[in-house]
Amino acid sequence: MRIGEPERDAWLLCMSGALEEVVADEALREELYAAFAKLADWMRNDPGNPHDSQHGRQVLR
C-alpha cells in the first residue's frame, strides 16, 4: 500500500481533530501533533519521502 503526501495529510487532519476533542492543554496538543507529524512523514513510502531518501532506503513503487 502506497502512503504519500495525501494519505499523510488526511491522517494528520484526523489526528488534529482527535487532539482538539481529547487534549485540553494547548501546549500538549502542539507537542503531540509535532510528534505525529514526524511519525506520519516516517511512514511515507512514496518517492520523495524525506526519511527514506536521506537514508538510502528503497522506496515502494
Protein backbone atom coordinates (compact mmCIF):
# COMPACT_ATOMS: atom_id res chain seq x y z
CA MET A 1 0.00 0.00 0.00
CA ARG A 2 1.43 3.32 -1.02
CA ILE A 3 1.46 6.08 1.58
CA GLY A 4 2.17 9.50 0.14
CA GLU A 5 1.56 13.12 1.00
CA PRO A 6 -2.24 12.97 0.56
CA GLU A 7 -2.53 9.98 2.92
CA ARG A 8 -0.19 11.61 5.42
CA ASP A 9 -2.18 14.84 5.33
CA ALA A 10 -5.53 13.04 5.73
CA TRP A 11 -4.23 11.11 8.75
CA LEU A 12 -2.83 14.28 10.32
CA LEU A 13 -6.17 16.03 9.82
CA CYS A 14 -7.90 13.19 11.70
CA MET A 15 -5.31 13.26 14.47
CA SER A 16 -5.62 17.02 14.78
CA GLY A 17 -9.37 16.69 15.27
CA ALA A 18 -8.88 13.95 17.84
CA LEU A 19 -6.37 16.08 19.74
CA GLU A 20 -8.79 19.01 19.76
CA GLU A 21 -11.51 16.78 21.23
CA VAL A 22 -9.43 14.96 23.82
CA VAL A 23 -6.46 17.10 24.91
CA ALA A 24 -7.40 20.29 26.73
CA ASP A 25 -3.85 21.62 27.20
CA GLU A 26 -2.83 23.58 24.07
CA ALA A 27 0.92 23.14 24.61
CA LEU A 28 0.50 19.39 24.95
CA ARG A 29 -1.66 19.28 21.80
CA GLU A 30 1.06 21.08 19.85
CA GLU A 31 3.75 18.75 21.19
CA LEU A 32 1.73 15.66 20.34
CA TYR A 33 0.88 17.00 16.87
CA ALA A 34 4.58 17.62 16.16
CA ALA A 35 5.37 14.03 17.16
CA PHE A 36 2.52 12.73 14.98
CA ALA A 37 3.79 14.78 12.02
CA LYS A 38 7.25 13.20 12.33
CA LEU A 39 5.69 9.75 12.51
CA ALA A 40 3.47 10.47 9.50
CA ASP A 41 6.47 11.51 7.40
CA TRP A 42 8.39 8.43 8.51
CA MET A 43 5.51 6.18 7.40
CA ARG A 44 5.52 7.57 3.86
CA ASN A 45 6.81 5.07 1.33
CA ASP A 46 6.43 7.05 -1.88
CA PRO A 47 9.20 8.55 -4.00
CA GLY A 48 10.45 11.73 -2.39
CA ASN A 49 9.93 10.50 1.16
CA PRO A 50 12.34 12.63 3.18
CA HIS A 51 13.16 9.82 5.61
CA ASP A 52 13.94 7.09 3.09
CA SER A 53 15.76 9.32 0.63
CA GLN A 54 18.09 10.54 3.40
CA HIS A 55 18.92 7.01 4.49
CA GLY A 56 19.30 5.36 1.08
CA ARG A 57 16.37 3.01 1.57
CA GLN A 58 14.42 1.50 -1.27
CA VAL A 59 11.04 3.11 -1.86
CA LEU A 60 7.94 1.14 -2.91
CA ARG A 61 6.60 1.97 -6.33
